[in-house]
Amino acid sequence: MGLFSFIKNAGSKLFGKETKEAAANSTAVDAANRIQQANILKTMALRGVIESLNLPIQNLEMEVLDDTVTVYGQTDSQADREKVILAIGNVDGIATVDDRISVVNPEPEAQFYEVKKGDTLSKIAKEYYGNAMKYPMIFEANKPMLKDPNLIYPGQMLRIPSI
């Protein structure tokens, strides 16, 4: 459990322009209402991401405050917990995920890696495992967020499991 930082302007474009400019040209009360509505819409959209990826989490609750998401719930495994965190954090407009997810069967945490320009899963596998041909381990550890081992982007965060 803890805070995980992400690159705010990297990731899937889930939120519309209106959520980013909620307070523009408004009174203070109107701006507060728009921001509150934008945060509710963000919460619904993020819940949709978790559901669309079929990530197993029970009692999922989220609180969105601007670019920070606090996520609560329970998973059976550490891997599922980390996938939920990454699915939320790899959305454009999210800078921090405050993890409050409990794990039924605790196990060692994976490392997180921020993809840099020019990276490939093979290059990352070579760095972490000493063998570029172990890239499928990283790909499998990041399913269902990754659909293709060749489709990663700078700023994206990946799980790097221990071997």
N, C-alpha and C. Protein backbone atom coordinates (compact mmCIF):
# COMPACT_ATOMS: atom_id res chain seq x y z
N MET A 1 0.85 -1.17 0.00
CA MET A 1 0.00 0.00 0.00
C MET A 1 0.89 1.23 0.00
N GLY A 2 0.42 2.26 -0.67
CA GLY A 2 1.19 3.47 -0.70
C GLY A 2 0.85 4.31 -1.91
N LEU A 3 1.69 5.31 -2.13
CA LEU A 3 1.49 6.22 -3.26
C LEU A 3 2.35 5.78 -4.44
N PHE A 4 1.76 5.80 -5.61
CA PHE A 4 2.45 5.48 -6.84
C PHE A 4 2.33 6.67 -7.77
N SER A 5 3.46 7.13 -8.30
CA SER A 5 3.47 8.29 -9.19
C SER A 5 3.51 7.85 -10.65
N PHE A 6 2.81 8.61 -11.48
CA PHE A 6 2.73 8.35 -12.91
C PHE A 6 2.95 9.66 -13.64
N ILE A 7 3.22 9.57 -14.92
CA ILE A 7 3.33 10.78 -15.73
C ILE A 7 1.92 11.21 -16.09
N LYS A 8 1.53 12.39 -15.64
CA LYS A 8 0.16 12.85 -15.77
C LYS A 8 -0.32 12.93 -17.21
N ASN A 9 0.54 13.33 -18.12
CA ASN A 9 0.12 13.54 -19.51
C ASN A 9 0.49 12.39 -20.44
N ALA A 10 0.68 11.21 -19.89
CA ALA A 10 0.93 10.02 -20.70
C ALA A 10 -0.18 9.02 -20.41
N GLY A 11 -0.51 8.23 -21.38
CA GLY A 11 -1.52 7.19 -21.16
C GLY A 11 -2.71 7.36 -22.05
N SER A 12 -3.66 6.45 -21.87
CA SER A 12 -4.86 6.48 -22.71
C SER A 12 -5.67 7.74 -22.42
N LYS A 13 -6.23 8.30 -23.45
CA LYS A 13 -7.00 9.54 -23.36
C LYS A 13 -8.44 9.18 -22.99
N LEU A 14 -8.68 9.04 -21.70
CA LEU A 14 -9.98 8.60 -21.21
C LEU A 14 -10.91 9.76 -20.90
N PHE A 15 -10.34 10.88 -20.45
CA PHE A 15 -11.15 11.99 -20.02
C PHE A 15 -11.24 13.04 -21.11
N GLY A 16 -12.43 13.61 -21.26
CA GLY A 16 -12.64 14.66 -22.25
C GLY A 16 -12.04 15.98 -21.80
N LYS A 17 -11.97 16.90 -22.72
CA LYS A 17 -11.41 18.22 -22.47
C LYS A 17 -12.15 18.93 -21.33
N GLU A 18 -13.45 18.67 -21.22
CA GLU A 18 -14.24 19.37 -20.21
C GLU A 18 -13.79 19.02 -18.79
N THR A 19 -13.27 17.81 -18.56
CA THR A 19 -12.81 17.48 -17.22
C THR A 19 -11.51 18.18 -16.89
N LYS A 20 -10.73 18.54 -17.88
CA LYS A 20 -9.47 19.22 -17.65
C LYS A 20 -9.64 20.72 -17.48
N GLU A 21 -10.73 21.27 -17.98
CA GLU A 21 -10.95 22.71 -17.94
C GLU A 21 -12.22 23.06 -17.18
N ALA A 22 -12.52 22.29 -16.14
CA ALA A 22 -13.79 22.44 -15.44
C ALA A 22 -13.98 23.81 -14.79
N ALA A 23 -12.90 24.42 -14.36
CA ALA A 23 -13.02 25.68 -13.63
C ALA A 23 -12.89 26.92 -14.50
N ALA A 24 -12.65 26.76 -15.76
CA ALA A 24 -12.42 27.91 -16.63
C ALA A 24 -13.67 28.77 -16.76
N ASN A 25 -13.51 30.09 -16.64
CA ASN A 25 -14.58 31.07 -16.83
C ASN A 25 -15.82 30.79 -15.98
N SER A 26 -15.63 30.44 -14.71
CA SER A 26 -16.75 30.13 -13.83
C SER A 26 -16.62 30.88 -12.52
N THR A 27 -17.75 31.01 -11.82
CA THR A 27 -17.70 31.55 -10.47
C THR A 27 -17.09 30.48 -9.57
N ALA A 28 -16.72 30.85 -8.36
CA ALA A 28 -16.09 29.89 -7.45
C ALA A 28 -17.03 28.72 -7.14
N VAL A 29 -18.29 29.00 -6.87
CA VAL A 29 -19.26 27.94 -6.57
C VAL A 29 -19.49 27.08 -7.79
N ASP A 30 -19.68 27.72 -8.94
CA ASP A 30 -19.89 26.97 -10.18
C ASP A 30 -18.66 26.13 -10.51
N ALA A 31 -17.48 26.68 -10.31
CA ALA A 31 -16.24 25.95 -10.58
C ALA A 31 -16.14 24.73 -9.67
N ALA A 32 -16.47 24.89 -8.40
CA ALA A 32 -16.42 23.78 -7.45
C ALA A 32 -17.39 22.68 -7.86
N ASN A 33 -18.59 23.06 -8.30
CA ASN A 33 -19.57 22.08 -8.75
C ASN A 33 -19.09 21.35 -10.00
N ARG A 34 -18.49 22.09 -10.93
CA ARG A 34 -17.98 21.48 -12.16
C ARG A 34 -16.84 20.52 -11.86
N ILE A 35 -15.97 20.91 -10.95
CA ILE A 35 -14.85 20.04 -10.58
C ILE A 35 -15.38 18.77 -9.92
N GLN A 36 -16.36 18.92 -9.04
CA GLN A 36 -16.94 17.76 -8.39
C GLN A 36 -17.58 16.83 -9.42
N GLN A 37 -18.31 17.39 -10.37
CA GLN A 37 -18.92 16.58 -11.43
C GLN A 37 -17.84 15.91 -12.29
N ALA A 38 -16.78 16.65 -12.60
CA ALA A 38 -15.69 16.08 -13.39
C ALA A 38 -15.05 14.91 -12.65
N ASN A 39 -14.87 15.03 -11.34
CA ASN A 39 -14.28 13.95 -10.56
C ASN A 39 -15.19 12.72 -10.52
N ILE A 40 -16.49 12.95 -10.47
CA ILE A 40 -17.45 11.84 -10.52
C ILE A 40 -17.36 11.14 -11.87
N LEU A 41 -17.28 11.91 -12.95
CA LEU A 41 -17.15 11.32 -14.29
C LEU A 41 -15.83 10.56 -14.43
N LYS A 42 -14.76 11.09 -13.87
CA LYS A 42 -13.47 10.39 -13.90
C LYS A 42 -13.57 9.06 -13.17
N THR A 43 -14.22 9.07 -12.00
CA THR A 43 -14.38 7.85 -11.22
C THR A 43 -15.14 6.80 -12.02
N MET A 44 -16.21 7.21 -12.67
CA MET A 44 -17.01 6.27 -13.48
C MET A 44 -16.18 5.73 -14.64
N ALA A 45 -15.41 6.58 -15.29
CA ALA A 45 -14.58 6.15 -16.42
C ALA A 45 -13.49 5.18 -15.95
N LEU A 46 -12.86 5.48 -14.84
CA LEU A 46 -11.82 4.59 -14.32
C LEU A 46 -12.39 3.24 -13.90
N ARG A 47 -13.57 3.26 -13.31
CA ARG A 47 -14.24 2.00 -12.96
C ARG A 47 -14.49 1.18 -14.23
N GLY A 48 -14.87 1.88 -15.31
CA GLY A 48 -15.09 1.21 -16.59
C GLY A 48 -13.82 0.55 -17.12
N VAL A 49 -12.67 1.21 -16.91
CA VAL A 49 -11.39 0.63 -17.35
C VAL A 49 -11.13 -0.68 -16.60
N ILE A 50 -11.30 -0.66 -15.29
CA ILE A 50 -11.07 -1.86 -14.48
C ILE A 50 -12.01 -2.98 -14.91
N GLU A 51 -13.27 -2.65 -15.13
CA GLU A 51 -14.25 -3.65 -15.54
C GLU A 51 -13.95 -4.19 -16.95
N SER A 52 -13.55 -3.30 -17.88
CA SER A 52 -13.28 -3.74 -19.25
C SER A 52 -12.07 -4.67 -19.32
N LEU A 53 -11.16 -4.53 -18.39
CA LEU A 53 -9.99 -5.39 -18.35
C LEU A 53 -10.24 -6.67 -17.54
N ASN A 54 -11.43 -6.78 -16.96
CA ASN A 54 -11.81 -7.93 -16.14
C ASN A 54 -10.81 -8.18 -15.01
N LEU A 55 -10.35 -7.10 -14.40
CA LEU A 55 -9.42 -7.26 -13.28
C LEU A 55 -10.20 -7.63 -12.04
N PRO A 56 -9.82 -8.72 -11.39
CA PRO A 56 -10.59 -9.20 -10.23
C PRO A 56 -10.29 -8.39 -8.96
N ILE A 57 -11.23 -7.54 -8.61
CA ILE A 57 -11.13 -6.77 -7.37
C ILE A 57 -12.52 -6.69 -6.77
N GLN A 58 -12.60 -6.98 -5.49
CA GLN A 58 -13.87 -6.94 -4.79
C GLN A 58 -13.97 -5.61 -4.03
N ASN A 59 -15.20 -5.16 -3.87
CA ASN A 59 -15.49 -3.94 -3.10
C ASN A 59 -14.69 -2.74 -3.60
N LEU A 60 -14.60 -2.60 -4.92
CA LEU A 60 -13.85 -1.50 -5.52
C LEU A 60 -14.51 -0.17 -5.20
N GLU A 61 -13.72 0.73 -4.64
CA GLU A 61 -14.14 2.10 -4.38
C GLU A 61 -13.00 3.01 -4.81
N MET A 62 -13.35 4.15 -5.38
CA MET A 62 -12.35 5.12 -5.79
C MET A 62 -12.78 6.51 -5.41
N GLU A 63 -11.81 7.32 -5.04
CA GLU A 63 -12.03 8.74 -4.80
C GLU A 63 -11.07 9.49 -5.71
N VAL A 64 -11.61 10.38 -6.52
CA VAL A 64 -10.77 11.16 -7.43
C VAL A 64 -10.76 12.59 -6.95
N LEU A 65 -9.57 13.13 -6.83
CA LEU A 65 -9.40 14.53 -6.49
C LEU A 65 -8.35 15.08 -7.46
N ASP A 66 -8.85 15.77 -8.49
CA ASP A 66 -8.00 16.33 -9.55
C ASP A 66 -7.23 15.21 -10.24
N ASP A 67 -5.91 15.12 -10.04
CA ASP A 67 -5.11 14.13 -10.74
C ASP A 67 -4.67 12.97 -9.84
N THR A 68 -5.31 12.86 -8.66
CA THR A 68 -4.99 11.80 -7.71
C THR A 68 -6.20 10.90 -7.51
N VAL A 69 -5.96 9.59 -7.55
CA VAL A 69 -7.01 8.62 -7.33
C VAL A 69 -6.64 7.78 -6.13
N THR A 70 -7.55 7.71 -5.15
CA THR A 70 -7.38 6.79 -4.03
C THR A 70 -8.27 5.60 -4.32
N VAL A 71 -7.68 4.41 -4.32
CA VAL A 71 -8.42 3.21 -4.69
C VAL A 71 -8.43 2.23 -3.51
N TYR A 72 -9.63 1.69 -3.24
CA TYR A 72 -9.85 0.75 -2.16
C TYR A 72 -10.43 -0.53 -2.75
N GLY A 73 -10.22 -1.61 -2.07
CA GLY A 73 -10.80 -2.89 -2.50
C GLY A 73 -9.97 -4.04 -1.97
N GLN A 74 -10.28 -5.21 -2.50
CA GLN A 74 -9.57 -6.41 -2.07
C GLN A 74 -9.34 -7.30 -3.29
N THR A 75 -8.11 -7.82 -3.42
CA THR A 75 -7.77 -8.75 -4.48
C THR A 75 -7.21 -10.02 -3.87
N ASP A 76 -7.20 -11.07 -4.66
CA ASP A 76 -6.64 -12.34 -4.19
C ASP A 76 -5.13 -12.36 -4.27
N SER A 77 -4.55 -11.61 -5.22
CA SER A 77 -3.10 -11.69 -5.43
C SER A 77 -2.47 -10.31 -5.55
N GLN A 78 -1.18 -10.29 -5.27
CA GLN A 78 -0.38 -9.08 -5.43
C GLN A 78 -0.38 -8.63 -6.89
N ALA A 79 -0.31 -9.58 -7.82
CA ALA A 79 -0.30 -9.25 -9.25
C ALA A 79 -1.58 -8.51 -9.64
N ASP A 80 -2.73 -8.97 -9.17
CA ASP A 80 -3.99 -8.30 -9.48
C ASP A 80 -4.01 -6.89 -8.89
N ARG A 81 -3.50 -6.73 -7.68
CA ARG A 81 -3.42 -5.41 -7.05
C ARG A 81 -2.59 -4.47 -7.91
N GLU A 82 -1.43 -4.92 -8.33
CA GLU A 82 -0.54 -4.09 -9.14
C GLU A 82 -1.15 -3.75 -10.49
N LYS A 83 -1.88 -4.69 -11.08
CA LYS A 83 -2.53 -4.43 -12.37
C LYS A 83 -3.61 -3.36 -12.23
N VAL A 84 -4.35 -3.38 -11.15
CA VAL A 84 -5.36 -2.35 -10.91
C VAL A 84 -4.69 -0.98 -10.80
N ILE A 85 -3.62 -0.91 -10.04
CA ILE A 85 -2.89 0.35 -9.87
C ILE A 85 -2.39 0.85 -11.23
N LEU A 86 -1.79 -0.03 -12.02
CA LEU A 86 -1.27 0.37 -13.33
C LEU A 86 -2.37 0.76 -14.30
N ALA A 87 -3.48 0.04 -14.27
CA ALA A 87 -4.59 0.37 -15.17
C ALA A 87 -5.10 1.78 -14.90
N ILE A 88 -5.17 2.16 -13.64
CA ILE A 88 -5.64 3.49 -13.28
C ILE A 88 -4.56 4.53 -13.57
N GLY A 89 -3.33 4.25 -13.18
CA GLY A 89 -2.26 5.22 -13.33
C GLY A 89 -1.82 5.48 -14.76
N ASN A 90 -2.04 4.52 -15.64
CA ASN A 90 -1.65 4.69 -17.04
C ASN A 90 -2.77 5.33 -17.85
N VAL A 91 -3.50 6.24 -17.23
CA VAL A 91 -4.54 7.02 -17.90
C VAL A 91 -4.08 8.47 -17.91
N ASP A 92 -4.19 9.11 -19.07
CA ASP A 92 -3.82 10.51 -19.20
C ASP A 92 -4.62 11.34 -18.19
N GLY A 93 -3.93 12.18 -17.43
CA GLY A 93 -4.59 13.03 -16.45
C GLY A 93 -4.46 12.52 -15.03
N ILE A 94 -3.94 11.31 -14.85
CA ILE A 94 -3.74 10.75 -13.52
C ILE A 94 -2.26 10.80 -13.20
N ALA A 95 -1.91 11.48 -12.12
CA ALA A 95 -0.50 11.62 -11.73
C ALA A 95 -0.15 10.73 -10.54
N THR A 96 -1.13 10.43 -9.68
CA THR A 96 -0.85 9.67 -8.47
C THR A 96 -1.98 8.69 -8.19
N VAL A 97 -1.61 7.48 -7.80
CA VAL A 97 -2.58 6.50 -7.32
C VAL A 97 -2.21 6.20 -5.87
N ASP A 98 -3.15 6.47 -4.98
CA ASP A 98 -3.00 6.16 -3.56
C ASP A 98 -3.64 4.80 -3.34
N ASP A 99 -2.81 3.80 -3.19
CA ASP A 99 -3.24 2.41 -3.10
C ASP A 99 -3.68 2.07 -1.69
N ARG A 100 -4.94 1.65 -1.56
CA ARG A 100 -5.48 1.18 -0.28
C ARG A 100 -6.10 -0.21 -0.48
N ILE A 101 -5.57 -0.95 -1.44
CA ILE A 101 -6.10 -2.28 -1.78
C ILE A 101 -5.46 -3.32 -0.87
N SER A 102 -6.29 -4.18 -0.30
CA SER A 102 -5.74 -5.27 0.52
C SER A 102 -5.64 -6.53 -0.34
N VAL A 103 -4.67 -7.37 0.00
CA VAL A 103 -4.40 -8.60 -0.75
C VAL A 103 -4.64 -9.79 0.17
N VAL A 104 -5.44 -10.75 -0.30
CA VAL A 104 -5.77 -11.93 0.49
C VAL A 104 -4.54 -12.83 0.66
N ASN A 105 -3.83 -13.08 -0.44
CA ASN A 105 -2.65 -13.95 -0.42
C ASN A 105 -1.40 -13.12 -0.74
N PRO A 106 -0.81 -12.48 0.28
CA PRO A 106 0.35 -11.63 0.02
C PRO A 106 1.51 -12.41 -0.60
N GLU A 107 2.23 -11.73 -1.47
CA GLU A 107 3.41 -12.29 -2.12
C GLU A 107 4.35 -11.12 -2.42
N PRO A 108 5.59 -11.39 -2.83
CA PRO A 108 6.51 -10.28 -3.10
C PRO A 108 5.98 -9.34 -4.18
N GLU A 109 6.27 -8.07 -4.00
CA GLU A 109 5.84 -7.07 -4.98
C GLU A 109 6.75 -7.11 -6.19
N ALA A 110 6.17 -6.83 -7.36
CA ALA A 110 6.95 -6.68 -8.58
C ALA A 110 7.55 -5.28 -8.58
N GLN A 111 8.57 -5.09 -9.42
CA GLN A 111 9.10 -3.74 -9.62
C GLN A 111 8.26 -3.06 -10.68
N PHE A 112 8.20 -1.74 -10.64
CA PHE A 112 7.54 -0.97 -11.69
C PHE A 112 8.62 -0.30 -12.52
N TYR A 113 8.37 -0.21 -13.81
CA TYR A 113 9.34 0.38 -14.73
C TYR A 113 8.63 1.38 -15.62
N GLU A 114 9.20 2.57 -15.76
CA GLU A 114 8.65 3.59 -16.66
C GLU A 114 9.31 3.45 -18.02
N VAL A 115 8.50 3.20 -19.05
CA VAL A 115 8.99 3.03 -20.41
C VAL A 115 9.59 4.35 -20.89
N LYS A 116 10.77 4.24 -21.50
CA LYS A 116 11.45 5.41 -22.07
C LYS A 116 11.46 5.29 -23.59
N LYS A 117 11.68 6.40 -24.25
CA LYS A 117 11.73 6.42 -25.71
C LYS A 117 12.79 5.42 -26.18
N GLY A 118 12.42 4.60 -27.15
CA GLY A 118 13.34 3.61 -27.70
C GLY A 118 13.29 2.27 -27.00
N ASP A 119 12.55 2.16 -25.89
CA ASP A 119 12.46 0.89 -25.17
C ASP A 119 11.63 -0.12 -25.94
N THR A 120 11.99 -1.38 -25.75
CA THR A 120 11.19 -2.52 -26.20
C THR A 120 11.11 -3.47 -25.00
N LEU A 121 10.18 -4.39 -25.05
CA LEU A 121 10.11 -5.36 -23.95
C LEU A 121 11.38 -6.20 -23.90
N SER A 122 11.97 -6.49 -25.06
CA SER A 122 13.24 -7.24 -25.10
C SER A 122 14.35 -6.47 -24.40
N LYS A 123 14.42 -5.19 -24.67
CA LYS A 123 15.46 -4.35 -24.06
C LYS A 123 15.27 -4.30 -22.54
N ILE A 124 14.03 -4.17 -22.11
CA ILE A 124 13.73 -4.13 -20.67
C ILE A 124 14.07 -5.48 -20.04
N ALA A 125 13.71 -6.59 -20.72
CA ALA A 125 14.02 -7.92 -20.20
C ALA A 125 15.53 -8.12 -20.08
N LYS A 126 16.29 -7.64 -21.04
CA LYS A 126 17.74 -7.74 -21.00
C LYS A 126 18.28 -7.00 -19.77
N GLU A 127 17.71 -5.81 -19.50
CA GLU A 127 18.15 -5.00 -18.36
C GLU A 127 17.84 -5.68 -17.03
N TYR A 128 16.64 -6.24 -16.89
CA TYR A 128 16.21 -6.79 -15.61
C TYR A 128 16.59 -8.26 -15.41
N TYR A 129 16.58 -9.03 -16.50
CA TYR A 129 16.81 -10.47 -16.39
C TYR A 129 18.12 -10.93 -17.01
N GLY A 130 18.80 -10.03 -17.74
CA GLY A 130 20.02 -10.42 -18.41
C GLY A 130 19.80 -11.23 -19.67
N ASN A 131 18.54 -11.34 -20.11
CA ASN A 131 18.21 -12.15 -21.28
C ASN A 131 17.03 -11.50 -22.00
N ALA A 132 17.27 -10.98 -23.19
CA ALA A 132 16.22 -10.31 -23.96
C ALA A 132 15.07 -11.24 -24.33
N MET A 133 15.34 -12.54 -24.42
CA MET A 133 14.31 -13.49 -24.81
C MET A 133 13.30 -13.77 -23.69
N LYS A 134 13.49 -13.17 -22.54
CA LYS A 134 12.52 -13.33 -21.45
C LYS A 134 11.45 -12.24 -21.47
N TYR A 135 11.38 -11.49 -22.58
CA TYR A 135 10.37 -10.43 -22.69
C TYR A 135 8.95 -10.95 -22.52
N PRO A 136 8.63 -12.23 -22.91
CA PRO A 136 7.24 -12.69 -22.69
C PRO A 136 6.81 -12.66 -21.23
N MET A 137 7.77 -12.79 -20.31
CA MET A 137 7.41 -12.73 -18.88
C MET A 137 6.85 -11.35 -18.54
N ILE A 138 7.46 -10.31 -19.10
CA ILE A 138 6.99 -8.95 -18.84
C ILE A 138 5.65 -8.74 -19.53
N PHE A 139 5.53 -9.23 -20.75
CA PHE A 139 4.27 -9.10 -21.49
C PHE A 139 3.14 -9.78 -20.72
N GLU A 140 3.36 -11.02 -20.28
CA GLU A 140 2.32 -11.76 -19.55
C GLU A 140 1.97 -11.07 -18.23
N ALA A 141 2.97 -10.49 -17.58
CA ALA A 141 2.75 -9.83 -16.29
C ALA A 141 1.92 -8.55 -16.44
N ASN A 142 1.83 -8.04 -17.66
CA ASN A 142 1.09 -6.80 -17.89
C ASN A 142 -0.18 -6.99 -18.70
N LYS A 143 -0.57 -8.24 -18.92
CA LYS A 143 -1.86 -8.50 -19.54
C LYS A 143 -2.92 -8.27 -18.47
N PRO A 144 -4.07 -7.81 -18.76
CA PRO A 144 -4.64 -7.49 -20.05
C PRO A 144 -4.40 -6.05 -20.49
N MET A 145 -3.60 -5.27 -19.71
CA MET A 145 -3.36 -3.89 -20.13
C MET A 145 -2.60 -3.83 -21.45
N LEU A 146 -1.66 -4.76 -21.65
CA LEU A 146 -0.96 -4.85 -22.93
C LEU A 146 -1.63 -5.90 -23.80
N LYS A 147 -1.92 -5.51 -25.02
CA LYS A 147 -2.55 -6.42 -25.97
C LYS A 147 -1.52 -6.97 -26.96
N ASP A 148 -0.40 -6.26 -27.11
CA ASP A 148 0.63 -6.61 -28.09
C ASP A 148 1.98 -6.22 -27.49
N PRO A 149 2.97 -7.13 -27.51
CA PRO A 149 4.27 -6.80 -26.92
C PRO A 149 5.00 -5.66 -27.62
N ASN A 150 4.57 -5.30 -28.81
CA ASN A 150 5.22 -4.22 -29.55
C ASN A 150 4.55 -2.87 -29.33
N LEU A 151 3.48 -2.82 -28.55
CA LEU A 151 2.74 -1.58 -28.36
C LEU A 151 2.90 -1.04 -26.95
N ILE A 152 4.09 -0.52 -26.68
CA ILE A 152 4.33 0.19 -25.42
C ILE A 152 4.70 1.62 -25.79
N TYR A 153 4.57 2.54 -24.85
CA TYR A 153 4.83 3.95 -25.15
C TYR A 153 5.58 4.61 -24.01
N PRO A 154 6.37 5.64 -24.33
CA PRO A 154 7.10 6.37 -23.29
C PRO A 154 6.16 6.92 -22.24
N GLY A 155 6.56 6.76 -20.99
CA GLY A 155 5.75 7.23 -19.86
C GLY A 155 4.87 6.14 -19.28
N GLN A 156 4.65 5.07 -20.01
CA GLN A 156 3.83 3.98 -19.52
C GLN A 156 4.58 3.25 -18.40
N MET A 157 3.85 2.83 -17.39
CA MET A 157 4.43 2.06 -16.30
C MET A 157 4.10 0.59 -16.51
N LEU A 158 5.10 -0.26 -16.31
CA LEU A 158 4.94 -1.71 -16.47
C LEU A 158 5.34 -2.44 -15.21
N ARG A 159 4.74 -3.61 -15.00
CA ARG A 159 5.13 -4.51 -13.92
C ARG A 159 6.31 -5.34 -14.39
N ILE A 160 7.33 -5.47 -13.57
CA ILE A 160 8.47 -6.32 -13.87
C ILE A 160 8.52 -7.37 -12.75
N PRO A 161 8.00 -8.57 -13.03
CA PRO A 161 7.96 -9.59 -11.97
C PRO A 161 9.34 -10.17 -11.70
N SER A 162 9.50 -10.69 -10.50
CA SER A 162 10.74 -11.38 -10.15
C SER A 162 10.75 -12.74 -10.83
N ILE A 163 11.96 -13.23 -11.08
CA ILE A 163 12.05 -14.59 -11.65
C ILE A 163 12.79 -15.49 -10.70
